[in-house]
């Protein structure tokens, strides 16, 4: 009489972009070389799961040359000439937007509260609040001008040309888009993964984990899963000497990690 064993073999992969080869300039992908290679015997049904993922929540929502400029006029400053301000690329909250704006206003010799943005939480919109004085004169900003590239991010793309000679506020025409990154996706390329479907309904064969930001900007997201989703990786009988790891956003675009590393603990069982 023979006894059939259901005991499975297990391979643990410690993944960390700090140790990767061929790392992309934006930090979203790298190659992990395996020595010795992974060899799963033919006839087995290997499965992969991500039990832990760590990602620094630093991917910019304000990007250079994309959505980083506001252009104001102040009738008492430089004869009313346009005063552009370019925000450095980064992951911004409303508070950090206002802080940068305050520095800009102070650099012009104006009160830091001359212009600010205020949340309207019930509608996920902002209002722009003007507090002009003698030093600023009439304050203006033309959101109909595409050169104000931050207008859609703030929700003012349909607000037209605004000006204020006295204290006043104007509601944004649209919902603001601070949360342009809804979640991160960890992909493992080179393991012939199957069994998962992406947002569009197609077979999202390389994604092994989805990580939703649950921390403030510039903090570490740590996702530990007691019961992670298992996907098939069709590598039985093959020799795997390297894996390419990729970090994407919810739009399947590469994530700029701002020079931070990401990590994962991955398990293959067969």
C-alpha atoms as a PDB file:
ATOM      1  CA  UNK A   1       0.000   0.000   0.000  1.00  0.00           C
ATOM      2  CA  UNK A   2       1.336   3.423  -0.885  1.00  0.00           C
ATOM      3  CA  UNK A   3       0.490   6.657   0.950  1.00  0.00           C
ATOM      4  CA  UNK A   4       0.027   9.743  -1.222  1.00  0.00           C
ATOM      5  CA  UNK A   5       1.575  12.862   0.267  1.00  0.00           C
ATOM      6  CA  UNK A   6      -0.144  16.223  -0.208  1.00  0.00           C
ATOM      7  CA  UNK A   7       2.802  18.117   1.193  1.00  0.00           C
ATOM      8  CA  UNK A   8       3.882  20.898  -1.148  1.00  0.00           C
ATOM      9  CA  UNK A   9       7.321  22.307  -1.833  1.00  0.00           C
ATOM     10  CA  UNK A  10       7.810  26.027  -1.338  1.00  0.00           C
ATOM     11  CA  UNK A  11      10.147  28.675  -2.718  1.00  0.00           C
ATOM     12  CA  UNK A  12      10.359  32.102  -1.062  1.00  0.00           C
ATOM     13  CA  UNK A  13      11.531  35.123  -3.027  1.00  0.00           C
ATOM     14  CA  UNK A  14      12.705  38.226  -1.171  1.00  0.00           C
ATOM     15  CA  UNK A  15      12.289  41.066  -3.637  1.00  0.00           C
ATOM     16  CA  UNK A  16      13.920  44.469  -3.199  1.00  0.00           C
ATOM     17  CA  UNK A  17      14.586  46.996  -5.931  1.00  0.00           C
ATOM     18  CA  UNK A  18      17.686  48.202  -4.065  1.00  0.00           C
ATOM     19  CA  UNK A  19      19.449  44.991  -5.112  1.00  0.00           C
ATOM     20  CA  UNK A  20      18.130  44.732  -8.654  1.00  0.00           C
ATOM     21  CA  UNK A  21      19.966  44.793 -11.957  1.00  0.00           C
ATOM     22  CA  UNK A  22      18.987  46.886 -14.992  1.00  0.00           C
ATOM     23  CA  UNK A  23      16.957  49.236 -12.810  1.00  0.00           C
ATOM     24  CA  UNK A  24      14.919  51.771 -14.790  1.00  0.00           C
ATOM     25  CA  UNK A  25      15.681  55.476 -14.421  1.00  0.00           C
ATOM     26  CA  UNK A  26      12.353  56.110 -12.674  1.00  0.00           C
ATOM     27  CA  UNK A  27      12.799  53.094 -10.382  1.00  0.00           C
ATOM     28  CA  UNK A  28       9.651  51.249 -11.476  1.00  0.00           C
ATOM     29  CA  UNK A  29      11.349  48.105 -12.818  1.00  0.00           C
ATOM     30  CA  UNK A  30      14.410  45.953 -12.229  1.00  0.00           C
ATOM     31  CA  UNK A  31      15.718  42.459 -12.874  1.00  0.00           C
ATOM     32  CA  UNK A  32      16.272  39.948 -10.076  1.00  0.00           C
ATOM     33  CA  UNK A  33      18.872  37.371 -11.088  1.00  0.00           C
ATOM     34  CA  UNK A  34      18.440  33.959  -9.445  1.00  0.00           C
ATOM     35  CA  UNK A  35      21.399  31.780  -8.482  1.00  0.00           C
ATOM     36  CA  UNK A  36      20.737  28.926  -8.506  1.00  0.00           C
ATOM     37  CA  UNK A  37      17.815  29.208 -10.940  1.00  0.00           C
ATOM     38  CA  UNK A  38      14.300  28.091 -10.024  1.00  0.00           C
ATOM     39  CA  UNK A  39      13.536  24.610 -11.327  1.00  0.00           C
ATOM     40  CA  UNK A  40      10.051  23.202 -10.773  1.00  0.00           C
ATOM     41  CA  UNK A  41       9.702  19.537 -11.777  1.00  0.00           C
ATOM     42  CA  UNK A  42       7.599  18.789 -14.843  1.00  0.00           C
ATOM     43  CA  UNK A  43       4.048  17.708 -14.117  1.00  0.00           C
ATOM     44  CA  UNK A  44       3.632  20.057 -11.151  1.00  0.00           C
ATOM     45  CA  UNK A  45       1.135  22.929 -10.898  1.00  0.00           C
ATOM     46  CA  UNK A  46       3.104  25.806  -9.355  1.00  0.00           C
ATOM     47  CA  UNK A  47       1.251  28.779  -7.874  1.00  0.00           C
ATOM     48  CA  UNK A  48       2.525  32.226  -6.935  1.00  0.00           C
ATOM     49  CA  UNK A  49       1.335  34.617  -4.222  1.00  0.00           C
ATOM     50  CA  UNK A  50       2.592  37.887  -2.750  1.00  0.00           C
ATOM     51  CA  UNK A  51       2.405  37.675   1.035  1.00  0.00           C
ATOM     52  CA  UNK A  52       3.905  41.098   1.746  1.00  0.00           C
ATOM     53  CA  UNK A  53       4.524  44.264  -0.288  1.00  0.00           C
ATOM     54  CA  UNK A  54       6.256  47.483   0.816  1.00  0.00           C
ATOM     55  CA  UNK A  55       6.024  50.673  -1.257  1.00  0.00           C
ATOM     56  CA  UNK A  56       6.994  54.226  -0.369  1.00  0.00           C
ATOM     57  CA  UNK A  57       4.002  56.390  -1.277  1.00  0.00           C
ATOM     58  CA  UNK A  58       5.951  59.041  -3.171  1.00  0.00           C
ATOM     59  CA  UNK A  59       4.792  58.709  -6.773  1.00  0.00           C
ATOM     60  CA  UNK A  60       4.153  62.276  -8.025  1.00  0.00           C
ATOM     61  CA  UNK A  61       0.662  63.559  -8.708  1.00  0.00           C
ATOM     62  CA  UNK A  62       2.181  66.833  -9.949  1.00  0.00           C
ATOM     63  CA  UNK A  63       4.547  66.133 -12.843  1.00  0.00           C
ATOM     64  CA  UNK A  64       7.059  68.349 -14.600  1.00  0.00           C
ATOM     65  CA  UNK A  65       5.736  69.671 -17.902  1.00  0.00           C
ATOM     66  CA  UNK A  66       2.339  68.011 -17.378  1.00  0.00           C
ATOM     67  CA  UNK A  67       0.354  69.729 -14.610  1.00  0.00           C
ATOM     68  CA  UNK A  68       2.781  71.922 -12.687  1.00  0.00           C
ATOM     69  CA  UNK A  69       2.090  75.591 -13.589  1.00  0.00           C
ATOM     70  CA  UNK A  70      -0.200  78.351 -12.292  1.00  0.00           C
ATOM     71  CA  UNK A  71      -0.067  81.856 -13.831  1.00  0.00           C
ATOM     72  CA  UNK A  72      -1.360  84.821 -11.813  1.00  0.00           C
ATOM     73  CA  UNK A  73      -1.564  88.536 -12.382  1.00  0.00           C
ATOM     74  CA  UNK A  74      -1.449  91.200  -9.665  1.00  0.00           C
ATOM     75  CA  UNK A  75      -2.251  94.680 -10.921  1.00  0.00           C
ATOM     76  CA  UNK A  76       0.130  96.283  -8.395  1.00  0.00           C
ATOM     77  CA  UNK A  77       3.051  93.958  -9.210  1.00  0.00           C
ATOM     78  CA  UNK A  78       5.203  94.598 -12.314  1.00  0.00           C
ATOM     79  CA  UNK A  79       2.426  96.582 -13.977  1.00  0.00           C
ATOM     80  CA  UNK A  80       0.134  93.556 -13.943  1.00  0.00           C
ATOM     81  CA  UNK A  81       2.493  91.279 -15.874  1.00  0.00           C
ATOM     82  CA  UNK A  82       1.869  87.533 -15.665  1.00  0.00           C
ATOM     83  CA  UNK A  83       3.591  85.914 -12.687  1.00  0.00           C
ATOM     84  CA  UNK A  84       3.994  82.182 -13.390  1.00  0.00           C
ATOM     85  CA  UNK A  85       4.804  79.672 -10.689  1.00  0.00           C
ATOM     86  CA  UNK A  86       6.059  76.183 -11.468  1.00  0.00           C
ATOM     87  CA  UNK A  87       5.530  73.589  -8.756  1.00  0.00           C
ATOM     88  CA  UNK A  88       8.367  71.083  -8.311  1.00  0.00           C
ATOM     89  CA  UNK A  89       7.391  67.529  -9.231  1.00  0.00           C
ATOM     90  CA  UNK A  90       6.082  65.674  -6.202  1.00  0.00           C
ATOM     91  CA  UNK A  91       3.209  64.018  -4.368  1.00  0.00           C
ATOM     92  CA  UNK A  92       1.076  66.908  -3.139  1.00  0.00           C
ATOM     93  CA  UNK A  93      -1.727  67.238  -0.648  1.00  0.00           C
ATOM     94  CA  UNK A  94      -3.852  70.392  -0.608  1.00  0.00           C
ATOM     95  CA  UNK A  95      -1.850  71.621   2.365  1.00  0.00           C
ATOM     96  CA  UNK A  96       1.437  71.245   0.484  1.00  0.00           C
ATOM     97  CA  UNK A  97      -0.024  73.033  -2.562  1.00  0.00           C
ATOM     98  CA  UNK A  98      -0.971  75.989  -0.370  1.00  0.00           C
ATOM     99  CA  UNK A  99       2.424  75.974   1.337  1.00  0.00           C
ATOM    100  CA  UNK A 100       4.256  76.231  -2.006  1.00  0.00           C
ATOM    101  CA  UNK A 101       1.827  78.937  -3.104  1.00  0.00           C
ATOM    102  CA  UNK A 102       2.522  80.909   0.078  1.00  0.00           C
ATOM    103  CA  UNK A 103       6.272  80.829  -0.623  1.00  0.00           C
ATOM    104  CA  UNK A 104       5.607  82.099  -4.145  1.00  0.00           C
ATOM    105  CA  UNK A 105       3.459  84.985  -2.892  1.00  0.00           C
ATOM    106  CA  UNK A 106       6.012  85.969  -0.259  1.00  0.00           C
ATOM    107  CA  UNK A 107       8.729  86.002  -2.936  1.00  0.00           C
ATOM    108  CA  UNK A 108       6.663  88.643  -4.756  1.00  0.00           C
ATOM    109  CA  UNK A 109       6.423  90.754  -1.599  1.00  0.00           C
ATOM    110  CA  UNK A 110       2.776  89.835  -1.059  1.00  0.00           C
ATOM    111  CA  UNK A 111       0.829  88.539   1.909  1.00  0.00           C
ATOM    112  CA  UNK A 112       0.954  84.737   1.998  1.00  0.00           C
ATOM    113  CA  UNK A 113      -2.845  84.554   2.119  1.00  0.00           C
ATOM    114  CA  UNK A 114      -3.434  86.648  -1.004  1.00  0.00           C
ATOM    115  CA  UNK A 115      -4.496  83.475  -2.836  1.00  0.00           C
ATOM    116  CA  UNK A 116      -5.299  80.063  -1.371  1.00  0.00           C
ATOM    117  CA  UNK A 117      -7.297  76.936  -2.145  1.00  0.00           C
ATOM    118  CA  UNK A 118      -9.952  75.660   0.270  1.00  0.00           C
ATOM    119  CA  UNK A 119     -11.518  72.158   0.256  1.00  0.00           C
ATOM    120  CA  UNK A 120     -15.221  71.627  -0.319  1.00  0.00           C
ATOM    121  CA  UNK A 121     -15.241  68.081   0.979  1.00  0.00           C
ATOM    122  CA  UNK A 122     -18.905  67.298   0.332  1.00  0.00           C
ATOM    123  CA  UNK A 123     -18.341  67.740  -3.410  1.00  0.00           C
ATOM    124  CA  UNK A 124     -14.655  66.740  -3.706  1.00  0.00           C
ATOM    125  CA  UNK A 125     -14.022  70.194  -5.135  1.00  0.00           C
ATOM    126  CA  UNK A 126     -11.921  73.206  -4.234  1.00  0.00           C
ATOM    127  CA  UNK A 127     -12.646  76.880  -4.088  1.00  0.00           C
ATOM    128  CA  UNK A 128     -10.040  79.528  -4.761  1.00  0.00           C
ATOM    129  CA  UNK A 129     -10.033  82.269  -2.131  1.00  0.00           C
ATOM    130  CA  UNK A 130      -8.750  85.748  -2.969  1.00  0.00           C
ATOM    131  CA  UNK A 131      -7.663  88.302  -0.351  1.00  0.00           C
ATOM    132  CA  UNK A 132      -6.249  91.200  -2.380  1.00  0.00           C
ATOM    133  CA  UNK A 133      -4.790  94.272  -0.692  1.00  0.00           C
ATOM    134  CA  UNK A 134      -2.912  97.417  -1.691  1.00  0.00           C
ATOM    135  CA  UNK A 135       0.317  95.481  -2.294  1.00  0.00           C
ATOM    136  CA  UNK A 136      -1.321  93.045  -4.711  1.00  0.00           C
ATOM    137  CA  UNK A 137      -3.998  95.130  -6.354  1.00  0.00           C
ATOM    138  CA  UNK A 138      -6.546  93.145  -8.344  1.00  0.00           C
ATOM    139  CA  UNK A 139      -5.675  89.446  -8.476  1.00  0.00           C
ATOM    140  CA  UNK A 140      -6.350  87.453 -11.630  1.00  0.00           C
ATOM    141  CA  UNK A 141      -5.893  83.980 -13.059  1.00  0.00           C
ATOM    142  CA  UNK A 142      -7.124  82.792 -16.462  1.00  0.00           C
ATOM    143  CA  UNK A 143      -8.077  79.132 -16.215  1.00  0.00           C
ATOM    144  CA  UNK A 144      -9.223  79.151 -19.841  1.00  0.00           C
ATOM    145  CA  UNK A 145      -5.541  79.450 -20.777  1.00  0.00           C
ATOM    146  CA  UNK A 146      -4.021  75.989 -21.246  1.00  0.00           C
ATOM    147  CA  UNK A 147      -0.711  77.389 -19.962  1.00  0.00           C
ATOM    148  CA  UNK A 148      -2.261  77.011 -16.491  1.00  0.00           C
ATOM    149  CA  UNK A 149      -1.456  73.319 -16.651  1.00  0.00           C
ATOM    150  CA  UNK A 150      -2.520  72.668 -13.044  1.00  0.00           C
ATOM    151  CA  UNK A 151      -6.122  73.688 -13.769  1.00  0.00           C
ATOM    152  CA  UNK A 152      -7.484  70.158 -14.272  1.00  0.00           C
ATOM    153  CA  UNK A 153      -5.611  68.798 -11.267  1.00  0.00           C
ATOM    154  CA  UNK A 154      -7.294  71.472  -9.119  1.00  0.00           C
ATOM    155  CA  UNK A 155     -10.669  71.171 -10.866  1.00  0.00           C
ATOM    156  CA  UNK A 156     -10.786  74.638 -12.476  1.00  0.00           C
ATOM    157  CA  UNK A 157     -10.490  73.742 -16.161  1.00  0.00           C
ATOM    158  CA  UNK A 158     -14.002  75.098 -16.843  1.00  0.00           C
ATOM    159  CA  UNK A 159     -13.803  78.152 -14.607  1.00  0.00           C
ATOM    160  CA  UNK A 160     -12.695  80.694 -17.222  1.00  0.00           C
ATOM    161  CA  UNK A 161     -10.879  83.907 -16.381  1.00  0.00           C
ATOM    162  CA  UNK A 162     -11.179  84.985 -12.726  1.00  0.00           C
ATOM    163  CA  UNK A 163     -10.293  88.279 -11.048  1.00  0.00           C
ATOM    164  CA  UNK A 164     -10.876  89.825  -7.649  1.00  0.00           C
ATOM    165  CA  UNK A 165     -10.424  93.382  -6.407  1.00  0.00           C
ATOM    166  CA  UNK A 166     -11.858  92.518  -2.981  1.00  0.00           C
ATOM    167  CA  UNK A 167     -11.991  89.421  -0.810  1.00  0.00           C
ATOM    168  CA  UNK A 168     -14.000  86.712  -2.553  1.00  0.00           C
ATOM    169  CA  UNK A 169     -14.118  83.007  -3.386  1.00  0.00           C
ATOM    170  CA  UNK A 170     -14.931  81.024  -6.521  1.00  0.00           C
ATOM    171  CA  UNK A 171     -15.870  77.350  -6.647  1.00  0.00           C
ATOM    172  CA  UNK A 172     -13.988  75.051  -8.990  1.00  0.00           C
ATOM    173  CA  UNK A 173     -16.018  73.887 -11.975  1.00  0.00           C
ATOM    174  CA  UNK A 174     -14.924  70.257 -11.637  1.00  0.00           C
ATOM    175  CA  UNK A 175     -13.814  67.672  -9.124  1.00  0.00           C
ATOM    176  CA  UNK A 176     -10.157  68.011  -8.158  1.00  0.00           C
ATOM    177  CA  UNK A 177      -7.830  65.132  -9.009  1.00  0.00           C
ATOM    178  CA  UNK A 178      -5.336  64.811  -6.174  1.00  0.00           C
ATOM    179  CA  UNK A 179      -5.795  61.027  -6.093  1.00  0.00           C
ATOM    180  CA  UNK A 180      -4.648  60.432  -9.652  1.00  0.00           C
ATOM    181  CA  UNK A 181      -2.954  57.279  -8.374  1.00  0.00           C
ATOM    182  CA  UNK A 182      -5.649  55.010  -6.968  1.00  0.00           C
ATOM    183  CA  UNK A 183      -3.523  51.922  -6.418  1.00  0.00           C
ATOM    184  CA  UNK A 184      -0.200  50.274  -7.229  1.00  0.00           C
ATOM    185  CA  UNK A 185       0.205  47.023  -9.188  1.00  0.00           C
ATOM    186  CA  UNK A 186       3.147  44.672  -8.691  1.00  0.00           C
ATOM    187  CA  UNK A 187       4.041  42.638 -11.766  1.00  0.00           C
ATOM    188  CA  UNK A 188       6.325  39.626 -12.107  1.00  0.00           C
ATOM    189  CA  UNK A 189       7.496  39.204 -15.705  1.00  0.00           C
ATOM    190  CA  UNK A 190       9.034  35.917 -16.805  1.00  0.00           C
ATOM    191  CA  UNK A 191       6.960  33.425 -14.812  1.00  0.00           C
ATOM    192  CA  UNK A 192       4.141  32.815 -17.337  1.00  0.00           C
ATOM    193  CA  UNK A 193       1.497  33.797 -14.781  1.00  0.00           C
ATOM    194  CA  UNK A 194      -2.164  33.108 -15.574  1.00  0.00           C
ATOM    195  CA  UNK A 195      -5.517  33.136 -13.838  1.00  0.00           C
ATOM    196  CA  UNK A 196      -5.908  36.855 -13.208  1.00  0.00           C
ATOM    197  CA  UNK A 197      -7.935  39.434 -15.124  1.00  0.00           C
ATOM    198  CA  UNK A 198      -7.267  43.158 -15.310  1.00  0.00           C
ATOM    199  CA  UNK A 199      -9.584  46.133 -15.071  1.00  0.00           C
ATOM    200  CA  UNK A 200     -10.514  46.014 -18.759  1.00  0.00           C
ATOM    201  CA  UNK A 201     -11.460  42.332 -18.552  1.00  0.00           C
ATOM    202  CA  UNK A 202      -8.366  41.085 -20.319  1.00  0.00           C
ATOM    203  CA  UNK A 203      -6.021  38.506 -18.839  1.00  0.00           C
ATOM    204  CA  UNK A 204      -3.687  40.534 -16.637  1.00  0.00           C
ATOM    205  CA  UNK A 205      -1.133  37.776 -16.604  1.00  0.00           C
ATOM    206  CA  UNK A 206       1.773  39.487 -14.838  1.00  0.00           C
ATOM    207  CA  UNK A 207       0.043  41.236 -11.912  1.00  0.00           C
ATOM    208  CA  UNK A 208       0.384  39.381  -8.605  1.00  0.00           C
ATOM    209  CA  UNK A 209      -0.640  42.112  -6.126  1.00  0.00           C
ATOM    210  CA  UNK A 210      -2.663  45.316  -5.920  1.00  0.00           C
ATOM    211  CA  UNK A 211      -1.719  47.778  -3.171  1.00  0.00           C
ATOM    212  CA  UNK A 212      -4.067  50.609  -2.177  1.00  0.00           C
ATOM    213  CA  UNK A 213      -2.374  53.605  -0.508  1.00  0.00           C
ATOM    214  CA  UNK A 214      -3.484  53.786   3.124  1.00  0.00           C
ATOM    215  CA  UNK A 215      -0.878  56.257   4.372  1.00  0.00           C
ATOM    216  CA  UNK A 216      -0.089  59.934   3.927  1.00  0.00           C
ATOM    217  CA  UNK A 217       2.308  61.085   1.190  1.00  0.00           C
ATOM    218  CA  UNK A 218       5.980  60.146   1.717  1.00  0.00           C
ATOM    219  CA  UNK A 219       5.137  57.310   4.122  1.00  0.00           C
ATOM    220  CA  UNK A 220       5.730  53.580   3.700  1.00  0.00           C
ATOM    221  CA  UNK A 221       2.797  51.383   2.685  1.00  0.00           C
ATOM    222  CA  UNK A 222       3.157  47.882   4.125  1.00  0.00           C
ATOM    223  CA  UNK A 223       0.592  45.342   2.927  1.00  0.00           C
ATOM    224  CA  UNK A 224       0.692  41.963   4.680  1.00  0.00           C
ATOM    225  CA  UNK A 225      -1.808  39.386   3.490  1.00  0.00           C
ATOM    226  CA  UNK A 226      -2.799  36.406   5.585  1.00  0.00           C
ATOM    227  CA  UNK A 227      -4.705  34.903   2.645  1.00  0.00           C
ATOM    228  CA  UNK A 228      -3.196  36.289  -0.587  1.00  0.00           C
ATOM    229  CA  UNK A 229      -4.643  35.459  -3.975  1.00  0.00           C
ATOM    230  CA  UNK A 230      -2.892  32.543  -5.660  1.00  0.00           C
ATOM    231  CA  UNK A 231      -2.227  32.553  -9.382  1.00  0.00           C
ATOM    232  CA  UNK A 232      -0.862  29.854 -11.640  1.00  0.00           C
ATOM    233  CA  UNK A 233       2.688  30.252 -12.945  1.00  0.00           C
ATOM    234  CA  UNK A 234       3.315  27.891 -15.812  1.00  0.00           C
ATOM    235  CA  UNK A 235       6.978  27.168 -15.194  1.00  0.00           C
ATOM    236  CA  UNK A 236       6.896  23.409 -14.513  1.00  0.00           C
ATOM    237  CA  UNK A 237       9.832  21.794 -16.318  1.00  0.00           C
ATOM    238  CA  UNK A 238      11.424  25.177 -17.049  1.00  0.00           C
ATOM    239  CA  UNK A 239      14.544  26.854 -15.697  1.00  0.00           C
ATOM    240  CA  UNK A 240      14.002  30.413 -14.425  1.00  0.00           C
ATOM    241  CA  UNK A 241      17.218  32.356 -14.002  1.00  0.00           C
ATOM    242  CA  UNK A 242      15.752  35.846 -13.681  1.00  0.00           C
ATOM    243  CA  UNK A 243      12.501  37.724 -13.002  1.00  0.00           C
ATOM    244  CA  UNK A 244      11.649  41.280 -14.007  1.00  0.00           C
ATOM    245  CA  UNK A 245       9.646  43.125 -11.349  1.00  0.00           C
ATOM    246  CA  UNK A 246       7.545  46.125 -12.308  1.00  0.00           C
ATOM    247  CA  UNK A 247       5.543  48.673 -10.305  1.00  0.00           C
ATOM    248  CA  UNK A 248       2.639  50.220 -12.227  1.00  0.00           C
ATOM    249  CA  UNK A 249      -0.272  52.479 -11.351  1.00  0.00           C
ATOM    250  CA  UNK A 250      -3.996  51.885 -11.885  1.00  0.00           C
ATOM    251  CA  UNK A 251      -3.631  53.163 -15.459  1.00  0.00           C
ATOM    252  CA  UNK A 252      -0.928  50.572 -16.187  1.00  0.00           C
ATOM    253  CA  UNK A 253       1.667  53.338 -16.349  1.00  0.00           C
ATOM    254  CA  UNK A 254       5.143  53.011 -14.798  1.00  0.00           C
ATOM    255  CA  UNK A 255       5.376  54.494 -11.313  1.00  0.00           C
ATOM    256  CA  UNK A 256       8.080  57.069 -10.617  1.00  0.00           C
ATOM    257  CA  UNK A 257       9.392  55.966  -7.221  1.00  0.00           C
ATOM    258  CA  UNK A 258      11.272  59.238  -6.588  1.00  0.00           C
ATOM    259  CA  UNK A 259      14.449  57.253  -5.885  1.00  0.00           C
ATOM    260  CA  UNK A 260      12.751  55.143  -3.204  1.00  0.00           C
ATOM    261  CA  UNK A 261      12.861  51.339  -3.270  1.00  0.00           C
ATOM    262  CA  UNK A 262       9.981  48.880  -3.186  1.00  0.00           C
ATOM    263  CA  UNK A 263      10.025  45.368  -1.807  1.00  0.00           C
ATOM    264  CA  UNK A 264       7.957  42.192  -1.572  1.00  0.00           C
ATOM    265  CA  UNK A 265       7.914  38.730  -0.119  1.00  0.00           C
ATOM    266  CA  UNK A 266       6.672  36.264  -2.740  1.00  0.00           C
ATOM    267  CA  UNK A 267       5.984  32.544  -2.399  1.00  0.00           C
ATOM    268  CA  UNK A 268       5.864  29.870  -5.090  1.00  0.00           C
ATOM    269  CA  UNK A 269       4.364  26.511  -4.096  1.00  0.00           C
ATOM    270  CA  UNK A 270       4.110  23.304  -6.082  1.00  0.00           C
END
